[in-house]
Amino acid sequence: MSFKNLIPTKPELDHLKKKKTFSLRGEKLLDLKRVQILKILRDYAKDYFDLRLKMRDHLLEEIILLKKAYETMGIRKINRIANLTKTTLAPEINITYIHEMGIDVPKIELILPKKQFPNYSYSSTDLTLDILIKRLNEVLKIILKLAESDFLLYHVAEENKKLKRRIDALEEIIIPRLSVGIKTISELLNDEEREEFIRMKNIKNFLEIENN
């Protein structure tokens, strides 16, 4: 707000006071919303890091199982089974969005064939491979959940940043400028009232002298 654009009138003063009242009310509402966002952000951050830790523990166990499978069956056989499974399984990922808190939250679904038969003979493979495949299916679900959590955490954090910028703009720029404008116009109007009072008093004194 530039002082050059200030109009020292009563309507302008009332207009600035209304704008300041509206800005203060908006600041309180944004503060309340930010408190809610911060609570949600903390909850999502906890879920995110819990999932990361769970995924890490799973993968470490899977690495140990894979090493055992390599030792008992050989790398070539494991690779052949993996390539065959990849071509016949044909997994798909379906992503849908649900609008929550002003954010499009993704729901990621892994779609696999209803009937899943192994592409290898149980008699020619080690039990470690079956356990490994089961564990990999479990960790894949965790990874998908982690992707959802990561997306949500990022966008809630961005929403928190936007709210903070709006609150800072109100606190540090808009409300202080309105306060200065109100003070400036009030002082100018008070000066005009004093001048008018003095002028009227001088006129009254002059008329009294003339009458005498």
Protein backbone atom coordinates (compact mmCIF):
# COMPACT_ATOMS: atom_id res chain seq x y z
CA MET A 1 0.00 0.00 0.00
CA SER A 2 1.57 3.28 -1.10
CA PHE A 3 1.03 6.41 0.99
CA LYS A 4 0.57 8.31 -2.29
CA ASN A 5 -2.62 6.32 -2.91
CA LEU A 6 -4.08 7.02 0.53
CA ILE A 7 -7.20 9.17 0.50
CA PRO A 8 -7.56 10.89 3.89
CA THR A 9 -11.33 10.54 4.14
CA LYS A 10 -13.64 8.86 6.65
CA PRO A 11 -14.97 6.33 4.08
CA GLU A 12 -11.39 5.34 3.19
CA LEU A 13 -10.58 4.92 6.89
CA ASP A 14 -13.62 2.69 7.39
CA HIS A 15 -12.64 0.69 4.31
CA LEU A 16 -9.11 0.07 5.65
CA LYS A 17 -10.46 -0.93 9.07
CA LYS A 18 -12.78 -3.48 7.46
CA LYS A 19 -9.90 -4.87 5.40
CA LYS A 20 -7.74 -5.17 8.52
CA THR A 21 -10.53 -6.95 10.44
CA PHE A 22 -11.02 -9.34 7.51
CA SER A 23 -7.24 -9.95 7.28
CA LEU A 24 -6.95 -10.67 11.01
CA ARG A 25 -9.84 -13.12 10.80
CA GLY A 26 -8.25 -14.78 7.78
CA GLU A 27 -4.92 -15.04 9.62
CA LYS A 28 -6.60 -16.87 12.53
CA LEU A 29 -8.35 -19.30 10.19
CA LEU A 30 -5.11 -20.01 8.33
CA ASP A 31 -3.32 -20.56 11.66
CA LEU A 32 -5.94 -23.11 12.66
CA LYS A 33 -5.66 -24.85 9.32
CA ARG A 34 -1.87 -24.93 9.58
CA VAL A 35 -2.05 -26.52 13.05
CA GLN A 36 -4.23 -29.27 11.54
CA ILE A 37 -1.88 -29.67 8.56
CA LEU A 38 1.16 -29.96 10.87
CA LYS A 39 -0.54 -32.68 12.91
CA ILE A 40 -1.42 -34.58 9.72
CA LEU A 41 2.14 -34.05 8.45
CA ARG A 42 3.62 -35.56 11.63
CA ASP A 43 1.31 -38.58 11.37
CA TYR A 44 2.15 -39.12 7.69
CA ALA A 45 5.87 -38.72 8.36
CA LYS A 46 5.69 -41.41 11.06
CA ASP A 47 3.84 -43.77 8.71
CA TYR A 48 6.33 -43.05 5.93
CA PHE A 49 9.44 -43.78 8.01
CA ASP A 50 7.82 -46.87 9.57
CA LEU A 51 7.14 -48.21 6.06
CA ARG A 52 10.70 -47.42 4.97
CA LEU A 53 12.11 -49.31 7.93
CA LYS A 54 9.76 -52.24 7.29
CA MET A 55 10.76 -52.33 3.61
CA ARG A 56 14.45 -52.22 4.52
CA ASP A 57 14.14 -55.12 6.97
CA HIS A 58 12.20 -57.15 4.39
CA LEU A 59 14.74 -56.53 1.64
CA LEU A 60 17.66 -57.49 3.88
CA GLU A 61 15.93 -60.79 4.63
CA GLU A 62 15.19 -61.31 0.93
CA ILE A 63 18.85 -60.75 0.05
CA ILE A 64 19.86 -63.49 2.49
CA LEU A 65 17.25 -65.85 1.01
CA LEU A 66 18.39 -65.03 -2.54
CA LYS A 67 22.00 -65.84 -1.63
CA LYS A 68 20.87 -69.20 -0.22
CA ALA A 69 18.88 -69.90 -3.40
CA TYR A 70 21.94 -69.07 -5.51
CA GLU A 71 24.04 -71.48 -3.45
CA THR A 72 21.58 -74.39 -3.68
CA MET A 73 20.22 -73.91 -7.22
CA GLY A 74 22.76 -71.76 -9.06
CA ILE A 75 22.46 -68.27 -10.54
CA ARG A 76 21.56 -69.44 -14.08
CA LYS A 77 18.58 -71.48 -12.94
CA ILE A 78 17.28 -68.69 -10.75
CA ASN A 79 17.62 -66.20 -13.65
CA ARG A 80 15.76 -68.55 -16.02
CA ILE A 81 12.88 -68.90 -13.57
CA ALA A 82 12.82 -65.13 -13.00
CA ASN A 83 12.70 -64.34 -16.74
CA LEU A 84 9.99 -66.92 -17.36
CA THR A 85 7.91 -65.65 -14.46
CA LYS A 86 8.26 -62.07 -15.71
CA THR A 87 6.89 -62.91 -19.14
CA THR A 88 4.00 -65.11 -17.99
CA LEU A 89 2.90 -63.20 -14.91
CA ALA A 90 2.33 -59.82 -16.68
CA PRO A 91 1.56 -57.77 -13.57
CA GLU A 92 -0.30 -54.48 -13.94
CA ILE A 93 -0.55 -51.44 -11.70
CA ASN A 94 -3.78 -49.50 -11.41
CA ILE A 95 -3.64 -45.98 -9.97
CA THR A 96 -6.78 -44.16 -8.86
CA TYR A 97 -7.03 -40.82 -7.07
CA ILE A 98 -9.20 -39.81 -4.11
CA HIS A 99 -9.60 -36.11 -3.32
CA GLU A 100 -8.76 -35.49 0.35
CA MET A 101 -7.85 -32.17 2.05
CA GLY A 102 -7.52 -30.50 -1.34
CA ILE A 103 -5.00 -33.12 -2.50
CA ASP A 104 -5.46 -35.90 -5.08
CA VAL A 105 -4.34 -38.91 -3.01
CA PRO A 106 -3.20 -41.89 -5.12
CA LYS A 107 -4.35 -45.43 -4.42
CA ILE A 108 -1.97 -47.88 -6.07
CA GLU A 109 -3.19 -51.41 -6.74
CA LEU A 110 -1.11 -54.30 -8.02
CA ILE A 111 -3.14 -56.51 -10.36
CA LEU A 112 -1.95 -60.10 -10.78
CA PRO A 113 -3.57 -63.06 -12.55
CA LYS A 114 -6.16 -64.74 -10.34
CA LYS A 115 -4.56 -68.15 -10.75
CA GLN A 116 -0.84 -68.06 -10.13
CA PHE A 117 1.00 -71.31 -10.80
CA PRO A 118 4.78 -71.44 -10.39
CA ASN A 119 6.84 -71.64 -13.58
CA TYR A 120 9.06 -74.34 -12.11
CA SER A 121 8.83 -77.80 -10.63
CA TYR A 122 8.72 -78.09 -6.86
CA SER A 123 10.81 -81.25 -7.04
CA SER A 124 13.67 -79.55 -8.90
CA THR A 125 13.87 -76.42 -6.76
CA ASP A 126 14.74 -75.66 -3.18
CA LEU A 127 12.20 -74.59 -0.54
CA THR A 128 14.17 -71.35 -0.16
CA LEU A 129 12.90 -70.19 -3.56
CA ASP A 130 9.24 -70.61 -2.53
CA ILE A 131 9.83 -68.66 0.66
CA LEU A 132 11.70 -65.97 -1.29
CA ILE A 133 8.84 -65.54 -3.81
CA LYS A 134 6.28 -65.26 -1.01
CA ARG A 135 8.41 -62.69 0.79
CA LEU A 136 8.94 -60.68 -2.42
CA ASN A 137 5.17 -60.48 -2.93
CA GLU A 138 4.86 -59.10 0.59
CA VAL A 139 7.61 -56.51 0.13
CA LEU A 140 6.10 -55.41 -3.19
CA LYS A 141 2.90 -54.45 -1.37
CA ILE A 142 4.96 -52.50 1.14
CA ILE A 143 6.74 -50.65 -1.69
CA LEU A 144 3.39 -49.65 -3.21
CA LYS A 145 2.18 -48.39 0.17
CA LEU A 146 5.45 -46.50 0.55
CA ALA A 147 4.92 -44.85 -2.85
CA GLU A 148 1.45 -43.68 -1.75
CA SER A 149 2.86 -42.41 1.54
CA ASP A 150 5.75 -40.61 -0.17
CA PHE A 151 3.38 -38.82 -2.58
CA LEU A 152 1.05 -37.81 0.25
CA LEU A 153 3.84 -36.64 2.54
CA TYR A 154 5.37 -34.47 -0.20
CA HIS A 155 2.08 -32.77 -1.14
CA VAL A 156 1.01 -32.16 2.47
CA ALA A 157 4.45 -30.60 3.12
CA GLU A 158 3.95 -28.37 0.05
CA GLU A 159 0.50 -27.36 1.32
CA ASN A 160 2.08 -26.46 4.66
CA LYS A 161 4.65 -24.26 2.87
CA LYS A 162 1.89 -22.44 0.96
CA LEU A 163 -0.04 -21.80 4.18
CA LYS A 164 3.09 -20.49 5.88
CA ARG A 165 3.79 -18.09 3.01
CA ARG A 166 0.20 -16.77 3.15
CA ILE A 167 0.35 -16.33 6.94
CA ASP A 168 3.74 -14.59 6.71
CA ALA A 169 2.40 -12.26 4.01
CA LEU A 170 -0.53 -11.31 6.24
CA GLU A 171 1.59 -10.89 9.39
CA GLU A 172 4.59 -9.14 7.87
CA ILE A 173 3.19 -7.18 4.91
CA ILE A 174 -0.58 -6.80 4.56
CA ILE A 175 -1.67 -6.23 8.19
CA PRO A 176 1.26 -3.88 9.06
CA ARG A 177 0.58 -1.81 5.91
CA LEU A 178 -3.11 -1.58 6.74
CA SER A 179 -2.24 -0.55 10.31
CA VAL A 180 0.07 2.18 9.02
CA GLY A 181 -2.58 3.36 6.56
CA ILE A 182 -5.23 3.52 9.31
CA LYS A 183 -2.87 5.42 11.61
CA THR A 184 -1.85 7.87 8.86
CA ILE A 185 -5.44 8.66 7.81
CA SER A 186 -6.57 8.92 11.46
CA GLU A 187 -3.80 11.43 12.19
CA LEU A 188 -4.61 13.45 9.06
CA LEU A 189 -8.34 13.52 9.92
CA ASN A 190 -7.56 14.52 13.50
CA ASP A 191 -5.35 17.35 12.23
CA GLU A 192 -8.14 18.52 9.93
CA GLU A 193 -10.65 18.41 12.81
CA ARG A 194 -8.32 20.43 15.01
CA GLU A 195 -7.75 22.95 12.23
CA GLU A 196 -11.48 23.19 11.62
CA PHE A 197 -12.13 23.64 15.34
CA ILE A 198 -9.52 26.41 15.57
CA ARG A 199 -10.90 28.06 12.43
CA MET A 200 -14.46 27.98 13.77
CA LYS A 201 -13.29 29.31 17.13
CA ASN A 202 -11.45 32.17 15.42
CA ILE A 203 -14.53 32.98 13.35
CA LYS A 204 -16.67 32.97 16.51
CA ASN A 205 -14.22 35.27 18.30
CA PHE A 206 -14.12 37.58 15.30
CA LEU A 207 -17.93 37.77 15.14
CA GLU A 208 -18.12 38.50 18.86
CA ILE A 209 -15.61 41.33 18.47
CA GLU A 210 -17.57 42.71 15.47
CA ASN A 211 -20.82 42.62 17.43
CA ASN A 212 -19.25 44.44 20.36
